Amino acid sequence: MMNPQTEKLLLELLQLLRTRKFTIGFAESCTGGLLSATLASQAGVSDVFKGSVVSYANEAKMDLLGVQASTLKAEGAVSEAVARQMAQGTRKQLKVDVSVAITGIAGPTGGTPDKPVGTVCFAVAGPGVAEVAQRKQFSGNRSEVQEASVRFALEYLILNLKI
């Protein structure tokens, strides 16, 4: 059963996409496809949702989405710069109008002092969107970080599509 807040955000996003006649695609790392599954849970989304790339490994980020090895080395996979490149690569590879990328550390391990567990970076790319990126810090266990990431991705998309 979907969280009522998430469902409300999802319906608002779908309305915005349909009103603007935009297609969408996702690049997901730490959420492992949860954002895609959340969107696909709604009947009739095939008119706007074209697909997603779950790029967990750095090699997948590079090979499938065109993330630069130099960016991964300099910034790390969990960075706004990598999220931007993931979003840009998603738009290109899936031929969509709008994309969102999520990369982070869902835990329970993998955190560092600079990027503790719960650190997640998001980026949105699309027409009229200045390829924005944002870093967030979530708390909770792995599934709570993933669910919070999905909710924030929906909020972030809505915010940037309303501009």
N, C-alpha and C. Protein backbone atom coordinates (compact mmCIF):
# COMPACT_ATOMS: atom_id res chain seq x y z
N MET A 1 0.84 -1.19 0.00
CA MET A 1 0.00 0.00 0.00
C MET A 1 0.88 1.24 0.00
N MET A 2 0.57 2.16 -0.91
CA MET A 2 1.37 3.36 -1.04
C MET A 2 1.02 4.40 0.02
N ASN A 3 2.03 5.08 0.52
CA ASN A 3 1.87 6.18 1.44
C ASN A 3 0.94 7.23 0.79
N PRO A 4 -0.07 7.73 1.51
CA PRO A 4 -1.00 8.71 0.92
C PRO A 4 -0.30 9.97 0.40
N GLN A 5 0.74 10.42 1.10
CA GLN A 5 1.48 11.60 0.64
C GLN A 5 2.17 11.31 -0.69
N THR A 6 2.76 10.14 -0.82
CA THR A 6 3.43 9.75 -2.05
C THR A 6 2.43 9.65 -3.19
N GLU A 7 1.27 9.06 -2.91
CA GLU A 7 0.26 8.93 -3.95
C GLU A 7 -0.23 10.30 -4.43
N LYS A 8 -0.42 11.22 -3.51
CA LYS A 8 -0.85 12.58 -3.87
C LYS A 8 0.20 13.25 -4.76
N LEU A 9 1.47 13.13 -4.40
CA LEU A 9 2.55 13.69 -5.21
C LEU A 9 2.60 13.05 -6.59
N LEU A 10 2.43 11.75 -6.63
CA LEU A 10 2.45 11.02 -7.89
C LEU A 10 1.35 11.50 -8.82
N LEU A 11 0.16 11.66 -8.29
CA LEU A 11 -0.96 12.12 -9.12
C LEU A 11 -0.74 13.55 -9.61
N GLU A 12 -0.16 14.40 -8.76
CA GLU A 12 0.14 15.77 -9.18
C GLU A 12 1.20 15.78 -10.28
N LEU A 13 2.22 14.94 -10.14
CA LEU A 13 3.26 14.86 -11.16
C LEU A 13 2.67 14.40 -12.49
N LEU A 14 1.86 13.36 -12.45
CA LEU A 14 1.26 12.85 -13.68
C LEU A 14 0.40 13.92 -14.37
N GLN A 15 -0.34 14.67 -13.59
CA GLN A 15 -1.16 15.74 -14.16
C GLN A 15 -0.28 16.80 -14.83
N LEU A 16 0.81 17.19 -14.16
CA LEU A 16 1.73 18.17 -14.74
C LEU A 16 2.35 17.66 -16.04
N LEU A 17 2.80 16.42 -16.04
CA LEU A 17 3.41 15.85 -17.25
C LEU A 17 2.41 15.82 -18.40
N ARG A 18 1.20 15.39 -18.11
CA ARG A 18 0.19 15.30 -19.16
C ARG A 18 -0.22 16.68 -19.67
N THR A 19 -0.34 17.64 -18.77
CA THR A 19 -0.71 18.99 -19.18
C THR A 19 0.36 19.59 -20.09
N ARG A 20 1.62 19.34 -19.76
CA ARG A 20 2.73 19.89 -20.56
C ARG A 20 3.12 18.98 -21.71
N LYS A 21 2.48 17.82 -21.80
CA LYS A 21 2.77 16.83 -22.85
C LYS A 21 4.25 16.41 -22.84
N PHE A 22 4.75 16.15 -21.64
CA PHE A 22 6.13 15.72 -21.43
C PHE A 22 6.19 14.23 -21.18
N THR A 23 7.26 13.62 -21.67
CA THR A 23 7.58 12.25 -21.30
C THR A 23 8.67 12.31 -20.23
N ILE A 24 8.78 11.21 -19.46
CA ILE A 24 9.73 11.20 -18.34
C ILE A 24 10.45 9.87 -18.27
N GLY A 25 11.67 9.94 -17.75
CA GLY A 25 12.47 8.76 -17.48
C GLY A 25 13.30 9.00 -16.24
N PHE A 26 13.78 7.93 -15.64
CA PHE A 26 14.52 8.02 -14.39
C PHE A 26 15.87 7.32 -14.50
N ALA A 27 16.82 7.82 -13.71
CA ALA A 27 18.08 7.12 -13.45
C ALA A 27 18.14 6.92 -11.95
N GLU A 28 18.18 5.67 -11.53
CA GLU A 28 18.16 5.37 -10.11
C GLU A 28 19.38 4.56 -9.71
N SER A 29 19.93 4.92 -8.58
CA SER A 29 21.02 4.14 -8.00
C SER A 29 20.55 3.57 -6.67
N CYS A 30 20.63 4.34 -5.60
CA CYS A 30 20.33 3.80 -4.26
C CYS A 30 18.87 3.38 -4.08
N THR A 31 17.97 3.88 -4.91
CA THR A 31 16.56 3.48 -4.80
C THR A 31 16.27 2.21 -5.58
N GLY A 32 17.20 1.76 -6.39
CA GLY A 32 17.10 0.45 -7.04
C GLY A 32 15.85 0.21 -7.86
N GLY A 33 15.23 1.25 -8.39
CA GLY A 33 14.03 1.09 -9.19
C GLY A 33 12.74 1.38 -8.45
N LEU A 34 12.83 1.77 -7.18
CA LEU A 34 11.62 2.04 -6.39
C LEU A 34 10.81 3.21 -6.96
N LEU A 35 11.49 4.25 -7.44
CA LEU A 35 10.76 5.37 -8.04
C LEU A 35 10.01 4.90 -9.28
N SER A 36 10.66 4.10 -10.10
CA SER A 36 10.02 3.57 -11.30
C SER A 36 8.82 2.70 -10.94
N ALA A 37 8.99 1.84 -9.96
CA ALA A 37 7.90 0.96 -9.54
C ALA A 37 6.74 1.78 -8.97
N THR A 38 7.06 2.85 -8.27
CA THR A 38 6.02 3.71 -7.70
C THR A 38 5.20 4.34 -8.83
N LEU A 39 5.87 4.88 -9.82
CA LEU A 39 5.16 5.49 -10.94
C LEU A 39 4.38 4.44 -11.73
N ALA A 40 5.01 3.30 -11.97
CA ALA A 40 4.36 2.25 -12.75
C ALA A 40 3.18 1.60 -12.03
N SER A 41 3.02 1.88 -10.74
CA SER A 41 1.88 1.33 -10.01
C SER A 41 0.57 2.00 -10.43
N GLN A 42 0.68 3.14 -11.09
CA GLN A 42 -0.51 3.88 -11.56
C GLN A 42 -0.89 3.40 -12.95
N ALA A 43 -2.13 3.02 -13.12
CA ALA A 43 -2.60 2.57 -14.43
C ALA A 43 -2.52 3.72 -15.43
N GLY A 44 -2.16 3.40 -16.66
CA GLY A 44 -2.17 4.39 -17.73
C GLY A 44 -0.97 5.30 -17.82
N VAL A 45 0.11 4.99 -17.10
CA VAL A 45 1.27 5.89 -17.12
C VAL A 45 2.11 5.76 -18.39
N SER A 46 1.79 4.79 -19.22
CA SER A 46 2.61 4.60 -20.42
C SER A 46 2.56 5.79 -21.37
N ASP A 47 1.59 6.68 -21.19
CA ASP A 47 1.56 7.88 -22.05
C ASP A 47 2.64 8.88 -21.68
N VAL A 48 3.21 8.78 -20.48
CA VAL A 48 4.25 9.72 -20.07
C VAL A 48 5.56 9.04 -19.65
N PHE A 49 5.50 7.84 -19.12
CA PHE A 49 6.68 7.16 -18.58
C PHE A 49 7.30 6.27 -19.64
N LYS A 50 8.56 6.57 -20.00
CA LYS A 50 9.24 5.81 -21.04
C LYS A 50 10.17 4.73 -20.50
N GLY A 51 10.64 4.89 -19.28
CA GLY A 51 11.51 3.87 -18.73
C GLY A 51 12.49 4.43 -17.73
N SER A 52 13.38 3.55 -17.28
CA SER A 52 14.39 3.97 -16.32
C SER A 52 15.64 3.12 -16.48
N VAL A 53 16.72 3.65 -15.92
CA VAL A 53 17.98 2.93 -15.87
C VAL A 53 18.36 2.82 -14.40
N VAL A 54 18.46 1.60 -13.92
CA VAL A 54 18.95 1.39 -12.56
C VAL A 54 20.45 1.16 -12.70
N SER A 55 21.21 2.18 -12.35
CA SER A 55 22.66 2.15 -12.55
C SER A 55 23.34 2.16 -11.17
N TYR A 56 23.39 1.01 -10.59
CA TYR A 56 23.92 0.88 -9.24
C TYR A 56 25.45 1.00 -9.24
N ALA A 57 26.10 0.30 -10.13
CA ALA A 57 27.56 0.32 -10.20
C ALA A 57 28.06 1.53 -11.00
N ASN A 58 29.24 2.00 -10.65
CA ASN A 58 29.82 3.12 -11.40
C ASN A 58 29.98 2.79 -12.87
N GLU A 59 30.31 1.53 -13.18
CA GLU A 59 30.46 1.13 -14.58
C GLU A 59 29.16 1.32 -15.33
N ALA A 60 28.04 1.01 -14.70
CA ALA A 60 26.73 1.20 -15.35
C ALA A 60 26.44 2.69 -15.53
N LYS A 61 26.81 3.49 -14.55
CA LYS A 61 26.62 4.94 -14.68
C LYS A 61 27.39 5.46 -15.89
N MET A 62 28.61 4.97 -16.06
CA MET A 62 29.44 5.41 -17.19
C MET A 62 28.93 4.83 -18.51
N ASP A 63 28.75 3.51 -18.56
CA ASP A 63 28.40 2.84 -19.82
C ASP A 63 27.00 3.15 -20.31
N LEU A 64 26.04 3.24 -19.41
CA LEU A 64 24.64 3.41 -19.82
C LEU A 64 24.20 4.87 -19.85
N LEU A 65 24.81 5.70 -19.01
CA LEU A 65 24.33 7.08 -18.89
C LEU A 65 25.37 8.13 -19.27
N GLY A 66 26.58 7.71 -19.58
CA GLY A 66 27.59 8.66 -20.00
C GLY A 66 28.21 9.48 -18.88
N VAL A 67 28.10 9.01 -17.64
CA VAL A 67 28.75 9.71 -16.54
C VAL A 67 30.26 9.61 -16.77
N GLN A 68 30.94 10.72 -16.60
CA GLN A 68 32.38 10.78 -16.85
C GLN A 68 33.17 10.15 -15.70
N ALA A 69 34.15 9.33 -16.04
CA ALA A 69 35.00 8.71 -15.03
C ALA A 69 35.69 9.79 -14.18
N SER A 70 36.06 10.88 -14.81
CA SER A 70 36.74 11.95 -14.08
C SER A 70 35.83 12.58 -13.03
N THR A 71 34.55 12.67 -13.32
CA THR A 71 33.59 13.21 -12.35
C THR A 71 33.42 12.25 -11.19
N LEU A 72 33.32 10.96 -11.51
CA LEU A 72 33.20 9.96 -10.45
C LEU A 72 34.43 9.99 -9.54
N LYS A 73 35.60 10.12 -10.14
CA LYS A 73 36.84 10.13 -9.36
C LYS A 73 36.93 11.39 -8.50
N ALA A 74 36.59 12.52 -9.08
CA ALA A 74 36.75 13.80 -8.37
C ALA A 74 35.67 14.03 -7.32
N GLU A 75 34.43 13.67 -7.63
CA GLU A 75 33.29 14.00 -6.77
C GLU A 75 32.72 12.81 -6.01
N GLY A 76 32.92 11.61 -6.55
CA GLY A 76 32.31 10.42 -5.97
C GLY A 76 30.94 10.18 -6.59
N ALA A 77 30.48 8.94 -6.53
CA ALA A 77 29.19 8.59 -7.14
C ALA A 77 28.03 9.32 -6.49
N VAL A 78 28.16 9.61 -5.21
CA VAL A 78 27.11 10.33 -4.49
C VAL A 78 27.49 11.81 -4.48
N SER A 79 27.10 12.48 -5.57
CA SER A 79 27.42 13.90 -5.72
C SER A 79 26.40 14.53 -6.66
N GLU A 80 26.26 15.83 -6.51
CA GLU A 80 25.35 16.56 -7.39
C GLU A 80 25.84 16.51 -8.83
N ALA A 81 27.17 16.54 -9.02
CA ALA A 81 27.72 16.51 -10.38
C ALA A 81 27.38 15.19 -11.08
N VAL A 82 27.51 14.08 -10.37
CA VAL A 82 27.17 12.78 -10.96
C VAL A 82 25.66 12.70 -11.19
N ALA A 83 24.87 13.17 -10.26
CA ALA A 83 23.41 13.16 -10.45
C ALA A 83 23.03 13.94 -11.71
N ARG A 84 23.67 15.10 -11.93
CA ARG A 84 23.39 15.90 -13.14
C ARG A 84 23.71 15.10 -14.40
N GLN A 85 24.88 14.46 -14.41
CA GLN A 85 25.27 13.69 -15.59
C GLN A 85 24.34 12.49 -15.80
N MET A 86 23.89 11.90 -14.71
CA MET A 86 22.93 10.79 -14.82
C MET A 86 21.62 11.29 -15.44
N ALA A 87 21.14 12.44 -14.99
CA ALA A 87 19.89 12.99 -15.52
C ALA A 87 20.03 13.35 -16.99
N GLN A 88 21.15 13.96 -17.35
CA GLN A 88 21.40 14.30 -18.75
C GLN A 88 21.46 13.04 -19.61
N GLY A 89 22.18 12.04 -19.12
CA GLY A 89 22.29 10.78 -19.86
C GLY A 89 20.96 10.08 -20.03
N THR A 90 20.11 10.17 -19.03
CA THR A 90 18.78 9.56 -19.11
C THR A 90 17.95 10.23 -20.20
N ARG A 91 17.97 11.55 -20.24
CA ARG A 91 17.23 12.27 -21.29
C ARG A 91 17.69 11.81 -22.67
N LYS A 92 18.99 11.69 -22.83
CA LYS A 92 19.55 11.31 -24.14
C LYS A 92 19.23 9.85 -24.48
N GLN A 93 19.50 8.95 -23.54
CA GLN A 93 19.34 7.52 -23.83
C GLN A 93 17.89 7.10 -24.00
N LEU A 94 17.00 7.65 -23.19
CA LEU A 94 15.59 7.26 -23.25
C LEU A 94 14.75 8.18 -24.14
N LYS A 95 15.39 9.26 -24.63
CA LYS A 95 14.71 10.22 -25.50
C LYS A 95 13.42 10.75 -24.84
N VAL A 96 13.61 11.26 -23.63
CA VAL A 96 12.49 11.80 -22.86
C VAL A 96 12.66 13.31 -22.70
N ASP A 97 11.54 13.97 -22.40
CA ASP A 97 11.57 15.41 -22.18
C ASP A 97 12.20 15.76 -20.84
N VAL A 98 11.84 15.02 -19.81
CA VAL A 98 12.25 15.32 -18.44
C VAL A 98 12.82 14.05 -17.81
N SER A 99 13.86 14.25 -17.00
CA SER A 99 14.41 13.11 -16.27
C SER A 99 14.78 13.53 -14.86
N VAL A 100 14.81 12.55 -13.99
CA VAL A 100 15.32 12.75 -12.63
C VAL A 100 16.31 11.64 -12.35
N ALA A 101 17.35 12.01 -11.62
CA ALA A 101 18.36 11.03 -11.23
C ALA A 101 18.50 11.05 -9.71
N ILE A 102 18.73 9.86 -9.17
CA ILE A 102 18.91 9.68 -7.73
C ILE A 102 20.16 8.84 -7.51
N THR A 103 21.07 9.34 -6.68
CA THR A 103 22.25 8.57 -6.32
C THR A 103 22.57 8.85 -4.85
N GLY A 104 22.78 7.81 -4.08
CA GLY A 104 22.99 8.04 -2.66
C GLY A 104 23.46 6.82 -1.90
N ILE A 105 23.43 6.97 -0.59
CA ILE A 105 23.86 5.91 0.32
C ILE A 105 22.67 5.56 1.22
N ALA A 106 22.00 4.46 0.89
CA ALA A 106 20.81 4.07 1.64
C ALA A 106 21.16 3.32 2.92
N GLY A 107 22.36 2.77 3.00
CA GLY A 107 22.80 2.08 4.21
C GLY A 107 22.42 0.62 4.23
N PRO A 108 22.68 -0.04 5.30
CA PRO A 108 23.16 0.49 6.58
C PRO A 108 24.65 0.78 6.59
N THR A 109 25.39 0.34 5.55
CA THR A 109 26.83 0.61 5.49
C THR A 109 27.10 1.51 4.30
N GLY A 110 28.35 1.89 4.14
CA GLY A 110 28.77 2.65 2.98
C GLY A 110 28.97 4.13 3.24
N GLY A 111 28.55 4.59 4.38
CA GLY A 111 28.71 6.01 4.70
C GLY A 111 30.13 6.38 5.06
N THR A 112 30.43 7.66 4.93
CA THR A 112 31.72 8.22 5.33
C THR A 112 31.43 9.47 6.16
N PRO A 113 32.44 10.04 6.80
CA PRO A 113 32.19 11.29 7.53
C PRO A 113 31.63 12.41 6.63
N ASP A 114 32.13 12.51 5.40
CA ASP A 114 31.65 13.54 4.46
C ASP A 114 30.27 13.21 3.90
N LYS A 115 30.02 11.93 3.73
CA LYS A 115 28.75 11.47 3.14
C LYS A 115 28.21 10.32 3.98
N PRO A 116 27.56 10.66 5.09
CA PRO A 116 27.03 9.59 5.95
C PRO A 116 25.86 8.86 5.30
N VAL A 117 25.53 7.72 5.86
CA VAL A 117 24.35 6.98 5.41
C VAL A 117 23.16 7.94 5.42
N GLY A 118 22.38 7.88 4.36
CA GLY A 118 21.22 8.77 4.23
C GLY A 118 21.50 9.96 3.32
N THR A 119 22.75 10.11 2.86
CA THR A 119 23.08 11.18 1.92
C THR A 119 22.59 10.77 0.53
N VAL A 120 21.78 11.61 -0.09
CA VAL A 120 21.24 11.31 -1.41
C VAL A 120 21.29 12.58 -2.24
N CYS A 121 21.72 12.44 -3.49
CA CYS A 121 21.77 13.56 -4.43
C CYS A 121 20.76 13.32 -5.55
N PHE A 122 20.11 14.40 -5.94
CA PHE A 122 19.06 14.38 -6.95
C PHE A 122 19.39 15.38 -8.04
N ALA A 123 18.96 15.11 -9.25
CA ALA A 123 19.07 16.09 -10.33
C ALA A 123 17.86 15.94 -11.24
N VAL A 124 17.43 17.06 -11.78
CA VAL A 124 16.33 17.09 -12.75
C VAL A 124 16.86 17.77 -13.99
N ALA A 125 16.55 17.22 -15.15
CA ALA A 125 16.91 17.82 -16.42
C ALA A 125 15.69 17.82 -17.33
N GLY A 126 15.51 18.92 -18.03
CA GLY A 126 14.38 19.00 -18.94
C GLY A 126 14.24 20.39 -19.52
N PRO A 127 13.32 20.55 -20.47
CA PRO A 127 13.12 21.86 -21.06
C PRO A 127 12.63 22.87 -20.02
N GLY A 128 13.28 24.01 -19.98
CA GLY A 128 12.89 25.02 -19.00
C GLY A 128 13.38 24.73 -17.60
N VAL A 129 14.13 23.64 -17.45
CA VAL A 129 14.71 23.28 -16.15
C VAL A 129 16.22 23.45 -16.28
N ALA A 130 16.79 24.21 -15.40
CA ALA A 130 18.22 24.54 -15.49
C ALA A 130 19.11 23.41 -14.97
N GLU A 131 18.74 22.18 -15.24
CA GLU A 131 19.49 21.01 -14.81
C GLU A 131 19.98 21.18 -13.37
N VAL A 132 19.02 21.28 -12.50
CA VAL A 132 19.27 21.53 -11.09
C VAL A 132 19.63 20.25 -10.36
N ALA A 133 20.38 20.42 -9.28
CA ALA A 133 20.74 19.28 -8.46
C ALA A 133 20.71 19.71 -7.00
N GLN A 134 20.41 18.75 -6.14
CA GLN A 134 20.33 19.05 -4.71
C GLN A 134 20.77 17.83 -3.91
N ARG A 135 21.45 18.09 -2.82
CA ARG A 135 21.88 17.02 -1.89
C ARG A 135 20.98 17.09 -0.67
N LYS A 136 20.51 15.93 -0.22
CA LYS A 136 19.65 15.84 0.96
C LYS A 136 20.25 14.83 1.93
N GLN A 137 19.85 14.97 3.18
CA GLN A 137 20.27 14.02 4.21
C GLN A 137 19.01 13.45 4.84
N PHE A 138 18.81 12.15 4.71
CA PHE A 138 17.65 11.48 5.28
C PHE A 138 18.10 10.61 6.45
N SER A 139 17.17 10.33 7.35
CA SER A 139 17.48 9.43 8.46
C SER A 139 16.58 8.21 8.36
N GLY A 140 16.95 7.19 9.10
CA GLY A 140 16.15 5.97 9.11
C GLY A 140 16.94 4.80 8.56
N ASN A 141 16.24 3.67 8.49
CA ASN A 141 16.87 2.47 7.95
C ASN A 141 16.88 2.53 6.42
N ARG A 142 17.39 1.51 5.80
CA ARG A 142 17.55 1.47 4.35
C ARG A 142 16.24 1.76 3.61
N SER A 143 15.18 1.06 3.97
CA SER A 143 13.92 1.25 3.25
C SER A 143 13.34 2.64 3.52
N GLU A 144 13.55 3.18 4.72
CA GLU A 144 13.05 4.53 5.02
C GLU A 144 13.81 5.59 4.20
N VAL A 145 15.11 5.40 4.03
CA VAL A 145 15.90 6.33 3.20
C VAL A 145 15.43 6.23 1.75
N GLN A 146 15.20 5.01 1.27
CA GLN A 146 14.74 4.84 -0.11
C GLN A 146 13.36 5.48 -0.31
N GLU A 147 12.44 5.25 0.61
CA GLU A 147 11.10 5.82 0.48
C GLU A 147 11.13 7.34 0.58
N ALA A 148 11.94 7.89 1.47
CA ALA A 148 12.08 9.34 1.57
C ALA A 148 12.67 9.91 0.29
N SER A 149 13.59 9.17 -0.32
CA SER A 149 14.20 9.61 -1.58
C SER A 149 13.18 9.66 -2.70
N VAL A 150 12.31 8.67 -2.76
CA VAL A 150 11.26 8.66 -3.79
C VAL A 150 10.32 9.85 -3.59
N ARG A 151 9.89 10.08 -2.35
CA ARG A 151 9.00 11.23 -2.09
C ARG A 151 9.67 12.54 -2.47
N PHE A 152 10.94 12.69 -2.08
CA PHE A 152 11.63 13.94 -2.42
C PHE A 152 11.80 14.08 -3.93
N ALA A 153 12.11 13.00 -4.63
CA ALA A 153 12.26 13.07 -6.09
C ALA A 153 10.96 13.55 -6.73
N LEU A 154 9.84 13.06 -6.26
CA LEU A 154 8.54 13.50 -6.79
C LEU A 154 8.33 14.99 -6.50
N GLU A 155 8.61 15.40 -5.25
CA GLU A 155 8.47 16.81 -4.88
C GLU A 155 9.39 17.70 -5.73
N TYR A 156 10.61 17.25 -5.92
CA TYR A 156 11.60 18.01 -6.67
C TYR A 156 11.21 18.14 -8.14
N LEU A 157 10.69 17.08 -8.70
CA LEU A 157 10.19 17.14 -10.07
C LEU A 157 9.03 18.13 -10.19
N ILE A 158 8.08 18.02 -9.29
CA ILE A 158 6.91 18.92 -9.32
C ILE A 158 7.37 20.36 -9.21
N LEU A 159 8.22 20.64 -8.24
CA LEU A 159 8.72 22.00 -8.04
C LEU A 159 9.35 22.55 -9.32
N ASN A 160 10.19 21.75 -9.95
CA ASN A 160 10.90 22.22 -11.13
C ASN A 160 10.05 22.25 -12.39
N LEU A 161 8.99 21.47 -12.43
CA LEU A 161 8.08 21.52 -13.59
C LEU A 161 7.12 22.70 -13.48
N LYS A 162 6.94 23.22 -12.28
CA LYS A 162 6.03 24.37 -12.10
C LYS A 162 6.71 25.70 -12.40
N ILE A 163 8.02 25.68 -12.54
CA ILE A 163 8.76 26.93 -12.78
C ILE A 163 8.43 27.48 -14.16
